[in-house]
Amino acid sequence: MIISGKDLSAQLKAELAQQVVAFPQKYGRVPHLVVVLVGEDPASQTYVRGKAKASQVVGIKNTTIARPSSISQEDLLALIAELNADEGVDGILVQLPLPAHIDESKVIESIAKEKDVDGFHPANVAALWMKQPCTVPCTPLGIIRLLEHAGVEIKGKRAVVVGRSQIVGLPVAKLLLDRHATVTVCHSRTENLPEVTRQAEILVVAIGRSRFVTGDMVSPGTVVIDVGINRDEVTGKLCGDVDFESVAPKASCITPVPGGVGPMTIACLMENTISCFLRKVQK
């Protein structure tokens, strides 16, 4: 079974759009997401366009603020401070990566916790690990939505997460733990990695290496979630961290690349923006 993030994200966005339609009458306006794009990285530009398009579909207001890669850290922080103070802005997202002269962690920390739609602010990260109300990072949230939609039972299952980033690996491990899976987190220094991945009933791969997980690393019947988005050096086409051709025949469910986790990340960003808006207007 191929789990289509494209189909599920379309369904989720349609449900969110139905919700947003009532907001102008109820609250006087719709949610407003501001995306800050620094520099001209082609991948970042593509992602930002995708976010603007999704906002249109859902019916929320989207503003993209583009700044040159030469912007100083001080000026970028001043811009974020303005957006924090603006009552008409509900969600702030600074597209990563940032130019080398800017400290990403300082930028993330400068975004108001209640407007942090990415869920990267230290206060949101802490709240997630302490089981307190918070904004959950979009990609991990999208992964859980995909598993639930496919009818995958998480409770009691052995889950293996390959990758330990703050953006995907660690938060998705926590979300799986919260749903009563037994979770192992692996990384580039894990010894006998194939032995560990073969124990997985749910395998989440977010290591950032093209076709890293191959068929011999997966046991029959495993649910495989491929988070990777890489460019194949030979064909130039997008591919995942999982070698789809060799893994798919063994998996019970698998997400494709493209069309798997990616669309769900953007749909969950829309969901997070609406949640930030509602928390504010319903105070």
C-alpha atoms as a PDB file:
ATOM      1  CA  MET A   1       0.000   0.000   0.000  1.00  0.00           C
ATOM      2  CA  ILE A   2       1.380   3.382  -1.010  1.00  0.00           C
ATOM      3  CA  ILE A   3       0.416   6.088   1.498  1.00  0.00           C
ATOM      4  CA  SER A   4      -0.277   9.200  -0.573  1.00  0.00           C
ATOM      5  CA  GLY A   5       0.531  12.393   1.268  1.00  0.00           C
ATOM      6  CA  LYS A   6      -0.735  14.270  -1.769  1.00  0.00           C
ATOM      7  CA  ASP A   7      -4.273  12.888  -1.360  1.00  0.00           C
ATOM      8  CA  LEU A   8      -4.375  13.247   2.421  1.00  0.00           C
ATOM      9  CA  SER A   9      -3.004  16.798   2.325  1.00  0.00           C
ATOM     10  CA  ALA A  10      -5.685  17.791  -0.198  1.00  0.00           C
ATOM     11  CA  GLN A  11      -8.338  16.337   2.130  1.00  0.00           C
ATOM     12  CA  LEU A  12      -6.873  18.125   5.178  1.00  0.00           C
ATOM     13  CA  LYS A  13      -6.643  21.468   3.327  1.00  0.00           C
ATOM     14  CA  ALA A  14     -10.274  21.115   2.181  1.00  0.00           C
ATOM     15  CA  GLU A  15     -11.367  20.516   5.807  1.00  0.00           C
ATOM     16  CA  LEU A  16      -9.338  23.535   6.989  1.00  0.00           C
ATOM     17  CA  ALA A  17     -10.835  25.710   4.230  1.00  0.00           C
ATOM     18  CA  GLN A  18     -14.346  24.824   5.446  1.00  0.00           C
ATOM     19  CA  GLN A  19     -13.317  25.928   8.938  1.00  0.00           C
ATOM     20  CA  VAL A  20     -11.756  29.217   7.756  1.00  0.00           C
ATOM     21  CA  VAL A  21     -14.852  30.264   5.757  1.00  0.00           C
ATOM     22  CA  ALA A  22     -16.668  31.048   9.017  1.00  0.00           C
ATOM     23  CA  PHE A  23     -13.827  33.105  10.536  1.00  0.00           C
ATOM     24  CA  PRO A  24     -14.519  36.584   9.008  1.00  0.00           C
ATOM     25  CA  GLN A  25     -18.040  36.608  10.436  1.00  0.00           C
ATOM     26  CA  LYS A  26     -16.986  35.000  13.713  1.00  0.00           C
ATOM     27  CA  TYR A  27     -13.668  36.779  14.388  1.00  0.00           C
ATOM     28  CA  GLY A  28     -13.598  39.652  11.881  1.00  0.00           C
ATOM     29  CA  ARG A  29     -10.714  38.285   9.815  1.00  0.00           C
ATOM     30  CA  VAL A  30      -8.830  35.195   8.630  1.00  0.00           C
ATOM     31  CA  PRO A  31      -5.472  33.899   9.991  1.00  0.00           C
ATOM     32  CA  HIS A  32      -2.349  35.631   8.648  1.00  0.00           C
ATOM     33  CA  LEU A  33       0.908  33.767   7.983  1.00  0.00           C
ATOM     34  CA  VAL A  34       4.096  35.722   7.255  1.00  0.00           C
ATOM     35  CA  VAL A  35       6.985  33.870   5.609  1.00  0.00           C
ATOM     36  CA  VAL A  36      10.433  35.503   5.662  1.00  0.00           C
ATOM     37  CA  LEU A  37      12.720  34.430   2.821  1.00  0.00           C
ATOM     38  CA  VAL A  38      16.382  35.440   3.016  1.00  0.00           C
ATOM     39  CA  GLY A  39      18.476  35.122  -0.154  1.00  0.00           C
ATOM     40  CA  GLU A  40      17.709  33.344  -3.407  1.00  0.00           C
ATOM     41  CA  ASP A  41      18.165  29.636  -2.684  1.00  0.00           C
ATOM     42  CA  PRO A  42      16.097  27.875  -5.412  1.00  0.00           C
ATOM     43  CA  ALA A  43      14.846  25.106  -3.090  1.00  0.00           C
ATOM     44  CA  SER A  44      13.773  27.668  -0.478  1.00  0.00           C
ATOM     45  CA  GLN A  45      11.972  29.704  -3.146  1.00  0.00           C
ATOM     46  CA  THR A  46      10.075  26.570  -4.245  1.00  0.00           C
ATOM     47  CA  TYR A  47       9.050  25.785  -0.654  1.00  0.00           C
ATOM     48  CA  VAL A  48       7.894  29.360  -0.067  1.00  0.00           C
ATOM     49  CA  ARG A  49       5.783  29.318  -3.254  1.00  0.00           C
ATOM     50  CA  GLY A  50       4.233  26.034  -2.064  1.00  0.00           C
ATOM     51  CA  LYS A  51       3.280  27.648   1.254  1.00  0.00           C
ATOM     52  CA  ALA A  52       1.702  30.636  -0.506  1.00  0.00           C
ATOM     53  CA  LYS A  53      -0.297  28.333  -2.788  1.00  0.00           C
ATOM     54  CA  ALA A  54      -1.546  26.223   0.144  1.00  0.00           C
ATOM     55  CA  SER A  55      -2.576  29.397   2.027  1.00  0.00           C
ATOM     56  CA  GLN A  56      -4.673  30.402  -0.976  1.00  0.00           C
ATOM     57  CA  VAL A  57      -6.379  26.982  -1.059  1.00  0.00           C
ATOM     58  CA  VAL A  58      -7.145  27.081   2.671  1.00  0.00           C
ATOM     59  CA  GLY A  59      -8.255  30.725   2.562  1.00  0.00           C
ATOM     60  CA  ILE A  60      -5.753  32.249   4.958  1.00  0.00           C
ATOM     61  CA  LYS A  61      -3.756  35.415   4.303  1.00  0.00           C
ATOM     62  CA  ASN A  62      -0.136  34.857   3.280  1.00  0.00           C
ATOM     63  CA  THR A  63       2.601  37.468   3.090  1.00  0.00           C
ATOM     64  CA  THR A  64       6.104  36.640   1.843  1.00  0.00           C
ATOM     65  CA  ILE A  65       8.810  39.099   2.890  1.00  0.00           C
ATOM     66  CA  ALA A  66      11.939  38.642   0.776  1.00  0.00           C
ATOM     67  CA  ARG A  67      15.283  40.021   1.958  1.00  0.00           C
ATOM     68  CA  PRO A  68      18.715  39.773   0.285  1.00  0.00           C
ATOM     69  CA  SER A  69      21.260  37.249   1.606  1.00  0.00           C
ATOM     70  CA  SER A  70      23.409  40.246   2.612  1.00  0.00           C
ATOM     71  CA  ILE A  71      20.899  41.301   5.310  1.00  0.00           C
ATOM     72  CA  SER A  72      22.547  41.684   8.715  1.00  0.00           C
ATOM     73  CA  GLN A  73      21.463  39.534  11.625  1.00  0.00           C
ATOM     74  CA  GLU A  74      20.505  42.718  13.483  1.00  0.00           C
ATOM     75  CA  ASP A  75      18.159  43.827  10.673  1.00  0.00           C
ATOM     76  CA  LEU A  76      16.571  40.376  10.423  1.00  0.00           C
ATOM     77  CA  LEU A  77      15.958  40.295  14.192  1.00  0.00           C
ATOM     78  CA  ALA A  78      14.457  43.797  13.988  1.00  0.00           C
ATOM     79  CA  LEU A  79      12.060  42.613  11.252  1.00  0.00           C
ATOM     80  CA  ILE A  80      10.973  39.654  13.408  1.00  0.00           C
ATOM     81  CA  ALA A  81      10.446  41.980  16.392  1.00  0.00           C
ATOM     82  CA  GLU A  82       8.100  44.090  14.216  1.00  0.00           C
ATOM     83  CA  LEU A  83       6.140  40.993  13.183  1.00  0.00           C
ATOM     84  CA  ASN A  84       5.953  39.814  16.814  1.00  0.00           C
ATOM     85  CA  ALA A  85       4.420  43.165  17.764  1.00  0.00           C
ATOM     86  CA  ASP A  86       1.941  43.205  14.851  1.00  0.00           C
ATOM     87  CA  GLU A  87      -1.488  42.109  16.147  1.00  0.00           C
ATOM     88  CA  GLY A  88      -2.549  41.271  12.586  1.00  0.00           C
ATOM     89  CA  VAL A  89       0.130  38.568  12.228  1.00  0.00           C
ATOM     90  CA  ASP A  90      -0.702  35.119  13.659  1.00  0.00           C
ATOM     91  CA  GLY A  91       2.141  32.967  12.354  1.00  0.00           C
ATOM     92  CA  ILE A  92       5.785  33.724  11.540  1.00  0.00           C
ATOM     93  CA  LEU A  93       8.018  31.357   9.592  1.00  0.00           C
ATOM     94  CA  VAL A  94      11.630  32.101   8.671  1.00  0.00           C
ATOM     95  CA  GLN A  95      12.599  29.808   5.792  1.00  0.00           C
ATOM     96  CA  LEU A  96      15.721  27.783   6.576  1.00  0.00           C
ATOM     97  CA  PRO A  97      18.618  27.474   5.845  1.00  0.00           C
ATOM     98  CA  LEU A  98      19.856  31.017   6.469  1.00  0.00           C
ATOM     99  CA  PRO A  99      23.124  32.521   5.162  1.00  0.00           C
ATOM    100  CA  ALA A 100      26.231  31.476   7.111  1.00  0.00           C
ATOM    101  CA  HIS A 101      26.695  34.858   8.845  1.00  0.00           C
ATOM    102  CA  ILE A 102      23.301  34.573  10.584  1.00  0.00           C
ATOM    103  CA  ASP A 103      22.849  32.486  13.739  1.00  0.00           C
ATOM    104  CA  GLU A 104      19.784  30.311  13.025  1.00  0.00           C
ATOM    105  CA  SER A 105      19.155  29.491  16.673  1.00  0.00           C
ATOM    106  CA  LYS A 106      19.065  33.194  17.618  1.00  0.00           C
ATOM    107  CA  VAL A 107      16.571  33.864  14.835  1.00  0.00           C
ATOM    108  CA  ILE A 108      14.335  30.945  15.889  1.00  0.00           C
ATOM    109  CA  GLU A 109      14.480  32.075  19.549  1.00  0.00           C
ATOM    110  CA  SER A 110      13.489  35.615  18.537  1.00  0.00           C
ATOM    111  CA  ILE A 111      10.120  34.494  17.113  1.00  0.00           C
ATOM    112  CA  ALA A 112       7.318  34.815  19.675  1.00  0.00           C
ATOM    113  CA  LYS A 113       6.413  31.329  20.962  1.00  0.00           C
ATOM    114  CA  GLU A 114       2.716  31.891  20.212  1.00  0.00           C
ATOM    115  CA  LYS A 115       3.503  32.825  16.571  1.00  0.00           C
ATOM    116  CA  ASP A 116       6.050  30.038  16.004  1.00  0.00           C
ATOM    117  CA  VAL A 117       4.153  27.945  13.415  1.00  0.00           C
ATOM    118  CA  ASP A 118       7.225  25.729  12.786  1.00  0.00           C
ATOM    119  CA  GLY A 119       7.314  24.582  16.413  1.00  0.00           C
ATOM    120  CA  PHE A 120      11.084  25.178  16.593  1.00  0.00           C
ATOM    121  CA  HIS A 121      11.162  27.718  19.453  1.00  0.00           C
ATOM    122  CA  PRO A 122      12.897  26.274  22.566  1.00  0.00           C
ATOM    123  CA  ALA A 123       9.739  26.888  24.622  1.00  0.00           C
ATOM    124  CA  ASN A 124       7.652  24.855  22.153  1.00  0.00           C
ATOM    125  CA  VAL A 125      10.296  22.105  22.049  1.00  0.00           C
ATOM    126  CA  ALA A 126      10.326  21.933  25.867  1.00  0.00           C
ATOM    127  CA  ALA A 127       6.513  21.861  26.004  1.00  0.00           C
ATOM    128  CA  LEU A 128       6.426  18.963  23.527  1.00  0.00           C
ATOM    129  CA  TRP A 129       8.792  16.885  25.686  1.00  0.00           C
ATOM    130  CA  MET A 130       6.857  17.800  28.831  1.00  0.00           C
ATOM    131  CA  LYS A 131       3.474  16.878  27.278  1.00  0.00           C
ATOM    132  CA  GLN A 132       2.222  20.463  27.573  1.00  0.00           C
ATOM    133  CA  PRO A 133       0.168  22.386  24.964  1.00  0.00           C
ATOM    134  CA  CYS A 134       2.478  23.484  22.148  1.00  0.00           C
ATOM    135  CA  THR A 135       2.916  23.876  18.418  1.00  0.00           C
ATOM    136  CA  VAL A 136       4.192  20.562  17.056  1.00  0.00           C
ATOM    137  CA  PRO A 137       6.742  20.724  14.182  1.00  0.00           C
ATOM    138  CA  CYS A 138       4.961  20.308  10.833  1.00  0.00           C
ATOM    139  CA  THR A 139       6.820  17.305   9.382  1.00  0.00           C
ATOM    140  CA  PRO A 140       6.536  15.062  12.489  1.00  0.00           C
ATOM    141  CA  LEU A 141       2.863  16.024  12.806  1.00  0.00           C
ATOM    142  CA  GLY A 142       2.349  15.141   9.116  1.00  0.00           C
ATOM    143  CA  ILE A 143       3.993  11.735   9.665  1.00  0.00           C
ATOM    144  CA  ILE A 144       1.604  10.896  12.506  1.00  0.00           C
ATOM    145  CA  ARG A 145      -1.367  12.019  10.382  1.00  0.00           C
ATOM    146  CA  LEU A 146      -0.173   9.711   7.544  1.00  0.00           C
ATOM    147  CA  LEU A 147       0.187   6.710   9.884  1.00  0.00           C
ATOM    148  CA  GLU A 148      -3.252   7.298  11.410  1.00  0.00           C
ATOM    149  CA  HIS A 149      -4.854   7.760   7.995  1.00  0.00           C
ATOM    150  CA  ALA A 150      -3.351   4.465   6.776  1.00  0.00           C
ATOM    151  CA  GLY A 151      -4.830   2.720   9.814  1.00  0.00           C
ATOM    152  CA  VAL A 152      -1.427   1.844  11.259  1.00  0.00           C
ATOM    153  CA  GLU A 153      -1.608   0.766  14.898  1.00  0.00           C
ATOM    154  CA  ILE A 154       1.219   2.619  16.698  1.00  0.00           C
ATOM    155  CA  LYS A 155       0.540   1.417  20.242  1.00  0.00           C
ATOM    156  CA  GLY A 156       2.911  -1.357  21.323  1.00  0.00           C
ATOM    157  CA  LYS A 157       4.816  -1.385  17.999  1.00  0.00           C
ATOM    158  CA  ARG A 158       8.605  -1.284  17.611  1.00  0.00           C
ATOM    159  CA  ALA A 159       9.397   1.995  15.867  1.00  0.00           C
ATOM    160  CA  VAL A 160      12.851   2.871  14.545  1.00  0.00           C
ATOM    161  CA  VAL A 161      13.705   6.467  13.597  1.00  0.00           C
ATOM    162  CA  VAL A 162      16.818   6.916  11.457  1.00  0.00           C
ATOM    163  CA  GLY A 163      18.000  10.500  12.006  1.00  0.00           C
ATOM    164  CA  ARG A 164      18.131  12.646  15.149  1.00  0.00           C
ATOM    165  CA  SER A 165      17.529  16.210  13.942  1.00  0.00           C
ATOM    166  CA  GLN A 166      15.601  18.710  16.051  1.00  0.00           C
ATOM    167  CA  ILE A 167      13.277  19.250  13.085  1.00  0.00           C
ATOM    168  CA  VAL A 168      12.217  15.647  12.367  1.00  0.00           C
ATOM    169  CA  GLY A 169      14.029  12.772  14.099  1.00  0.00           C
ATOM    170  CA  LEU A 170      13.726  13.760  17.762  1.00  0.00           C
ATOM    171  CA  PRO A 171      10.183  15.229  17.676  1.00  0.00           C
ATOM    172  CA  VAL A 172       8.751  12.311  15.666  1.00  0.00           C
ATOM    173  CA  ALA A 173      10.355   9.893  18.160  1.00  0.00           C
ATOM    174  CA  LYS A 174       8.558  11.773  20.961  1.00  0.00           C
ATOM    175  CA  LEU A 175       5.201  11.714  19.134  1.00  0.00           C
ATOM    176  CA  LEU A 176       5.558   7.953  18.585  1.00  0.00           C
ATOM    177  CA  LEU A 177       6.469   7.475  22.270  1.00  0.00           C
ATOM    178  CA  ASP A 178       3.388   9.484  23.264  1.00  0.00           C
ATOM    179  CA  ARG A 179       1.321   7.015  21.229  1.00  0.00           C
ATOM    180  CA  HIS A 180       2.888   4.099  23.153  1.00  0.00           C
ATOM    181  CA  ALA A 181       5.363   2.812  20.558  1.00  0.00           C
ATOM    182  CA  THR A 182       8.724   1.442  21.720  1.00  0.00           C
ATOM    183  CA  VAL A 183      11.139   3.779  19.958  1.00  0.00           C
ATOM    184  CA  THR A 184      14.790   3.407  18.924  1.00  0.00           C
ATOM    185  CA  VAL A 185      16.578   6.448  17.471  1.00  0.00           C
ATOM    186  CA  CYS A 186      19.500   5.670  15.123  1.00  0.00           C
ATOM    187  CA  HIS A 187      22.029   7.910  13.410  1.00  0.00           C
ATOM    188  CA  SER A 188      25.213   7.903  11.334  1.00  0.00           C
ATOM    189  CA  ARG A 189      27.264   6.416  14.191  1.00  0.00           C
ATOM    190  CA  THR A 190      24.873   3.584  15.072  1.00  0.00           C
ATOM    191  CA  GLU A 191      26.707   0.259  14.899  1.00  0.00           C
ATOM    192  CA  ASN A 192      25.095  -2.572  12.897  1.00  0.00           C
ATOM    193  CA  LEU A 193      22.376  -0.220  11.649  1.00  0.00           C
ATOM    194  CA  PRO A 194      20.764  -2.818   9.315  1.00  0.00           C
ATOM    195  CA  GLU A 195      20.275  -5.136  12.301  1.00  0.00           C
ATOM    196  CA  VAL A 196      18.419  -2.374  14.147  1.00  0.00           C
ATOM    197  CA  THR A 197      16.270  -1.286  11.176  1.00  0.00           C
ATOM    198  CA  ARG A 198      15.247  -4.901  10.527  1.00  0.00           C
ATOM    199  CA  GLN A 199      13.640  -4.947  13.995  1.00  0.00           C
ATOM    200  CA  ALA A 200      11.312  -2.097  13.076  1.00  0.00           C
ATOM    201  CA  GLU A 201       7.597  -2.548  12.564  1.00  0.00           C
ATOM    202  CA  ILE A 202       7.416   1.200  11.815  1.00  0.00           C
ATOM    203  CA  LEU A 203      10.504   2.707  10.170  1.00  0.00           C
ATOM    204  CA  VAL A 204      10.891   6.487   9.792  1.00  0.00           C
ATOM    205  CA  VAL A 205      13.894   7.527   7.710  1.00  0.00           C
ATOM    206  CA  ALA A 206      15.120  11.136   7.899  1.00  0.00           C
ATOM    207  CA  ILE A 207      18.878  11.002   7.402  1.00  0.00           C
ATOM    208  CA  GLY A 208      19.310  13.183   4.304  1.00  0.00           C
ATOM    209  CA  ARG A 209      21.092  10.608   2.123  1.00  0.00           C
ATOM    210  CA  SER A 210      19.753   9.414  -1.220  1.00  0.00           C
ATOM    211  CA  ARG A 211      18.384   5.843  -1.174  1.00  0.00           C
ATOM    212  CA  PHE A 212      20.244   5.134   2.079  1.00  0.00           C
ATOM    213  CA  VAL A 213      17.865   2.428   3.331  1.00  0.00           C
ATOM    214  CA  THR A 214      17.770  -0.578   1.025  1.00  0.00           C
ATOM    215  CA  GLY A 215      15.589  -3.701   0.866  1.00  0.00           C
ATOM    216  CA  ASP A 216      18.007  -5.831   2.905  1.00  0.00           C
ATOM    217  CA  MET A 217      17.626  -3.370   5.835  1.00  0.00           C
ATOM    218  CA  VAL A 218      13.861  -3.878   6.111  1.00  0.00           C
ATOM    219  CA  SER A 219      11.822  -6.839   7.368  1.00  0.00           C
ATOM    220  CA  PRO A 220       8.703  -7.996   5.500  1.00  0.00           C
ATOM    221  CA  GLY A 221       5.534  -6.142   6.520  1.00  0.00           C
ATOM    222  CA  THR A 222       7.257  -3.015   7.833  1.00  0.00           C
ATOM    223  CA  VAL A 223       5.535   0.377   7.566  1.00  0.00           C
ATOM    224  CA  VAL A 224       8.096   2.713   5.952  1.00  0.00           C
ATOM    225  CA  ILE A 225       7.924   6.523   6.127  1.00  0.00           C
ATOM    226  CA  ASP A 226      10.497   8.236   3.887  1.00  0.00           C
ATOM    227  CA  VAL A 227      11.137  11.845   4.943  1.00  0.00           C
ATOM    228  CA  GLY A 228      14.088  12.480   2.605  1.00  0.00           C
ATOM    229  CA  ILE A 229      13.997  14.838  -0.361  1.00  0.00           C
ATOM    230  CA  ASN A 230      17.176  14.477  -2.402  1.00  0.00           C
ATOM    231  CA  ARG A 231      18.147  15.125  -5.996  1.00  0.00           C
ATOM    232  CA  ASP A 232      19.381  12.036  -7.863  1.00  0.00           C
ATOM    233  CA  GLU A 233      22.862  12.868  -9.173  1.00  0.00           C
ATOM    234  CA  VAL A 234      22.380  10.813 -12.345  1.00  0.00           C
ATOM    235  CA  THR A 235      18.762  11.451 -13.376  1.00  0.00           C
ATOM    236  CA  GLY A 236      18.282  14.815 -11.659  1.00  0.00           C
ATOM    237  CA  LYS A 237      14.923  13.565 -10.325  1.00  0.00           C
ATOM    238  CA  LEU A 238      13.754  13.783  -6.723  1.00  0.00           C
ATOM    239  CA  CYS A 239      14.331  10.700  -4.588  1.00  0.00           C
ATOM    240  CA  GLY A 240      14.020   9.811  -0.922  1.00  0.00           C
ATOM    241  CA  ASP A 241      16.272   8.441   1.801  1.00  0.00           C
ATOM    242  CA  VAL A 242      14.740   5.024   1.048  1.00  0.00           C
ATOM    243  CA  ASP A 243      15.533   2.991  -2.063  1.00  0.00           C
ATOM    244  CA  PHE A 244      11.873   2.682  -3.104  1.00  0.00           C
ATOM    245  CA  GLU A 245      12.435  -0.041  -5.730  1.00  0.00           C
ATOM    246  CA  SER A 246      14.013  -2.533  -3.313  1.00  0.00           C
ATOM    247  CA  VAL A 247      12.045  -1.600  -0.180  1.00  0.00           C
ATOM    248  CA  ALA A 248       8.467  -1.265  -1.541  1.00  0.00           C
ATOM    249  CA  PRO A 249       7.997  -4.998  -2.314  1.00  0.00           C
ATOM    250  CA  LYS A 250       8.788  -5.831   1.356  1.00  0.00           C
ATOM    251  CA  ALA A 251       6.849  -3.015   3.032  1.00  0.00           C
ATOM    252  CA  SER A 252       3.190  -3.284   4.048  1.00  0.00           C
ATOM    253  CA  CYS A 253       2.859   0.506   3.609  1.00  0.00           C
ATOM    254  CA  ILE A 254       5.318   3.050   2.209  1.00  0.00           C
ATOM    255  CA  THR A 255       5.319   6.766   1.413  1.00  0.00           C
ATOM    256  CA  PRO A 256       6.566   7.820  -2.036  1.00  0.00           C
ATOM    257  CA  VAL A 257       8.978  10.671  -2.831  1.00  0.00           C
ATOM    258  CA  PRO A 258       7.719  13.045  -4.077  1.00  0.00           C
ATOM    259  CA  GLY A 259       4.074  13.001  -2.955  1.00  0.00           C
ATOM    260  CA  GLY A 260       4.482  11.509   0.521  1.00  0.00           C
ATOM    261  CA  VAL A 261       5.594  13.422   3.603  1.00  0.00           C
ATOM    262  CA  GLY A 262       6.298  16.715   1.746  1.00  0.00           C
ATOM    263  CA  PRO A 263       2.691  17.742   1.010  1.00  0.00           C
ATOM    264  CA  MET A 264       1.686  16.833   4.573  1.00  0.00           C
ATOM    265  CA  THR A 265       4.331  19.177   5.999  1.00  0.00           C
ATOM    266  CA  ILE A 266       2.709  22.122   4.214  1.00  0.00           C
ATOM    267  CA  ALA A 267      -0.842  21.017   5.143  1.00  0.00           C
ATOM    268  CA  CYS A 268       0.206  20.786   8.805  1.00  0.00           C
ATOM    269  CA  LEU A 269       1.763  24.261   8.568  1.00  0.00           C
ATOM    270  CA  MET A 270      -1.689  25.525   7.564  1.00  0.00           C
ATOM    271  CA  GLU A 271      -3.184  23.654  10.526  1.00  0.00           C
ATOM    272  CA  ASN A 272      -0.586  25.159  12.906  1.00  0.00           C
ATOM    273  CA  THR A 273      -1.252  28.693  11.596  1.00  0.00           C
ATOM    274  CA  ILE A 274      -4.992  28.287  12.197  1.00  0.00           C
ATOM    275  CA  SER A 275      -4.309  26.886  15.699  1.00  0.00           C
ATOM    276  CA  CYS A 276      -2.087  29.889  16.568  1.00  0.00           C
ATOM    277  CA  PHE A 277      -4.838  32.229  15.311  1.00  0.00           C
ATOM    278  CA  LEU A 278      -7.583  30.471  17.308  1.00  0.00           C
ATOM    279  CA  ARG A 279      -5.512  30.442  20.517  1.00  0.00           C
ATOM    280  CA  LYS A 280      -5.187  34.211  20.175  1.00  0.00           C
ATOM    281  CA  VAL A 281      -8.754  35.160  19.224  1.00  0.00           C
ATOM    282  CA  GLN A 282     -10.381  32.739  21.684  1.00  0.00           C
ATOM    283  CA  LYS A 283      -8.442  33.967  24.726  1.00  0.00           C
END
